[in-house]
Amino acid sequence: MAEKKPQSFANHARFDPLFHFFAIPVFGISVIATVVHFTMHPSLRAGWIFVVSVAALVSVFKIRVYALRNQDRIIRLEERLRLMTLLTEPLRSRIPELTESQLIAIRFACDAEVPTCVESTLAGKLSRADIKKAIHSWRPDYWRI
């Protein structure tokens, strides 16, 4: 993989250039163009083209959300398995108390830091951002987009 610089809370967010800088602008501009066309030349055809362009934009966003939700489900499963091997029994029995969002954030903690991270998360009901900020030794995730 080309990108191998160390990840941290400050730089772990990623963009997919074709999605973020091409597809979304093209579909967004198309919706704006169809609104302009419909207001200047109102007709059933112009109205239908507007509806289709909005449907296309919504479809692009929904496809993206479906892929991200699938990644979240896989991460949740991976992290539960990882926690089962890394945690001692008092914390292991509390794994179901972690929310999906918390599990997704904990994946960035290195193996040595996981027990303290889970303990502080359960004690303080930390948010995803708070968990990521509390991680000292970052375990990168280069595969997620």
Protein backbone atom coordinates (compact mmCIF):
# COMPACT_ATOMS: atom_id res chain seq x y z
CA MET A 1 0.00 0.00 0.00
CA ALA A 2 1.41 3.40 -0.95
CA GLU A 3 0.36 5.19 2.22
CA LYS A 4 2.43 3.93 5.13
CA LYS A 5 3.03 7.05 7.22
CA PRO A 6 2.22 6.56 10.91
CA GLN A 7 -1.41 7.21 11.79
CA SER A 8 -2.63 9.24 14.72
CA PHE A 9 -5.88 10.89 15.82
CA ALA A 10 -4.91 13.96 13.81
CA ASN A 11 -4.38 12.18 10.47
CA HIS A 12 -6.37 8.93 10.48
CA ALA A 13 -9.33 10.23 8.47
CA ARG A 14 -9.06 9.41 4.77
CA PHE A 15 -10.67 10.53 1.54
CA ASP A 16 -11.44 8.47 -1.52
CA PRO A 17 -10.63 10.96 -4.31
CA LEU A 18 -12.97 9.42 -6.90
CA PHE A 19 -15.88 9.49 -4.46
CA HIS A 20 -15.23 12.71 -2.52
CA PHE A 21 -13.77 14.87 -5.27
CA PHE A 22 -15.41 13.51 -8.41
CA ALA A 23 -18.67 11.57 -7.91
CA ILE A 24 -20.19 13.76 -5.20
CA PRO A 25 -19.41 17.07 -6.96
CA VAL A 26 -20.66 15.73 -10.32
CA PHE A 27 -23.96 14.51 -8.87
CA GLY A 28 -24.32 17.61 -6.66
CA ILE A 29 -23.74 19.97 -9.60
CA SER A 30 -26.19 17.91 -11.66
CA VAL A 31 -28.91 18.46 -9.06
CA ILE A 32 -28.20 22.21 -9.01
CA ALA A 33 -28.23 22.31 -12.83
CA THR A 34 -31.57 20.49 -13.00
CA VAL A 35 -33.08 22.90 -10.43
CA VAL A 36 -31.92 25.85 -12.53
CA HIS A 37 -33.25 24.23 -15.70
CA PHE A 38 -36.59 23.42 -14.05
CA THR A 39 -37.06 26.97 -12.74
CA MET A 40 -36.17 28.52 -16.11
CA HIS A 41 -38.13 26.01 -18.23
CA PRO A 42 -40.78 24.37 -16.04
CA SER A 43 -42.18 21.22 -17.60
CA LEU A 44 -43.00 17.68 -16.65
CA ARG A 45 -39.82 16.48 -18.37
CA ALA A 46 -37.61 19.01 -16.52
CA GLY A 47 -39.28 18.06 -13.24
CA TRP A 48 -38.68 14.37 -13.90
CA ILE A 49 -35.01 14.98 -14.73
CA PHE A 50 -34.70 16.80 -11.39
CA VAL A 51 -36.28 13.87 -9.53
CA VAL A 52 -33.94 11.39 -11.28
CA SER A 53 -30.85 13.51 -10.51
CA VAL A 54 -31.83 13.73 -6.82
CA ALA A 55 -32.41 9.97 -6.79
CA ALA A 56 -28.95 9.43 -8.29
CA LEU A 57 -27.32 11.67 -5.66
CA VAL A 58 -29.18 9.89 -2.85
CA SER A 59 -28.19 6.51 -4.33
CA VAL A 60 -24.50 7.47 -4.36
CA PHE A 61 -24.66 8.46 -0.68
CA LYS A 62 -26.62 5.35 0.30
CA ILE A 63 -24.16 3.05 -1.48
CA ARG A 64 -21.34 4.72 0.46
CA VAL A 65 -23.21 4.38 3.77
CA TYR A 66 -23.94 0.70 3.11
CA ALA A 67 -20.24 0.00 2.52
CA LEU A 68 -19.24 1.87 5.69
CA ARG A 69 -21.86 0.06 7.77
CA ASN A 70 -20.56 -3.26 6.45
CA GLN A 71 -17.02 -2.27 7.43
CA ASP A 72 -18.30 -1.31 10.89
CA ARG A 73 -19.92 -4.73 11.34
CA ILE A 74 -16.70 -6.49 10.37
CA ILE A 75 -14.62 -4.27 12.67
CA ARG A 76 -17.06 -4.95 15.52
CA LEU A 77 -16.64 -8.70 15.04
CA GLU A 78 -12.84 -8.46 14.74
CA GLU A 79 -12.56 -6.33 17.86
CA ARG A 80 -14.77 -8.64 19.94
CA LEU A 81 -12.54 -11.56 18.97
CA ARG A 82 -9.42 -9.51 19.69
CA LEU A 83 -10.74 -8.40 23.08
CA MET A 84 -11.57 -12.01 24.01
CA THR A 85 -7.89 -12.89 23.60
CA LEU A 86 -6.38 -9.76 25.16
CA LEU A 87 -8.58 -9.12 28.20
CA THR A 88 -8.62 -10.92 31.52
CA GLU A 89 -11.85 -12.39 32.84
CA PRO A 90 -13.27 -9.43 34.79
CA LEU A 91 -13.11 -7.24 31.66
CA ARG A 92 -13.83 -10.04 29.18
CA SER A 93 -17.31 -10.54 30.63
CA ARG A 94 -18.03 -6.82 30.09
CA ILE A 95 -17.29 -6.79 26.34
CA PRO A 96 -21.04 -6.76 25.48
CA GLU A 97 -21.33 -3.42 27.33
CA LEU A 98 -19.17 -1.71 24.70
CA THR A 99 -21.11 0.06 21.98
CA GLU A 100 -20.41 -0.38 18.29
CA SER A 101 -18.89 3.09 18.20
CA GLN A 102 -16.60 2.30 21.13
CA LEU A 103 -15.44 -0.98 19.56
CA ILE A 104 -14.66 0.80 16.31
CA ALA A 105 -12.54 3.37 18.18
CA ILE A 106 -10.74 0.78 20.33
CA ARG A 107 -9.37 -0.91 17.21
CA PHE A 108 -6.71 1.82 17.04
CA ALA A 109 -5.23 0.90 20.44
CA CYS A 110 -2.18 -1.36 20.39
CA ASP A 111 -2.51 -4.75 22.11
CA ALA A 112 -0.67 -3.61 25.25
CA GLU A 113 -2.94 -0.58 25.64
CA VAL A 114 -6.26 -2.38 25.06
CA PRO A 115 -7.00 -3.44 28.68
CA THR A 116 -6.57 0.08 30.09
CA CYS A 117 -8.44 1.55 27.13
CA VAL A 118 -11.40 -0.79 27.64
CA GLU A 119 -11.38 -0.23 31.39
CA SER A 120 -11.44 3.57 31.06
CA THR A 121 -14.06 3.35 28.31
CA LEU A 122 -16.39 1.27 30.47
CA ALA A 123 -15.78 3.41 33.55
CA GLY A 124 -16.26 6.75 31.81
CA LYS A 125 -18.63 5.85 28.97
CA LEU A 126 -16.19 7.52 26.57
CA SER A 127 -17.20 8.60 23.08
CA ARG A 128 -15.46 7.46 19.91
CA ALA A 129 -13.42 10.68 19.71
CA ASP A 130 -12.48 10.54 23.41
CA ILE A 131 -11.23 6.96 23.05
CA LYS A 132 -9.13 7.85 20.01
CA LYS A 133 -7.66 10.88 21.77
CA ALA A 134 -6.72 8.76 24.80
CA ILE A 135 -4.71 6.24 22.76
CA HIS A 136 -0.96 6.69 23.16
CA SER A 137 0.38 3.93 20.91
CA TRP A 138 -1.70 4.07 17.72
CA ARG A 139 -2.40 0.86 15.78
CA PRO A 140 -2.98 2.01 12.20
CA ASP A 141 -5.89 0.97 10.00
CA TYR A 142 -4.79 1.59 6.40
CA TRP A 143 -7.61 -0.43 4.85
CA ARG A 144 -10.64 1.62 5.84
CA ILE A 145 -11.79 4.40 3.56
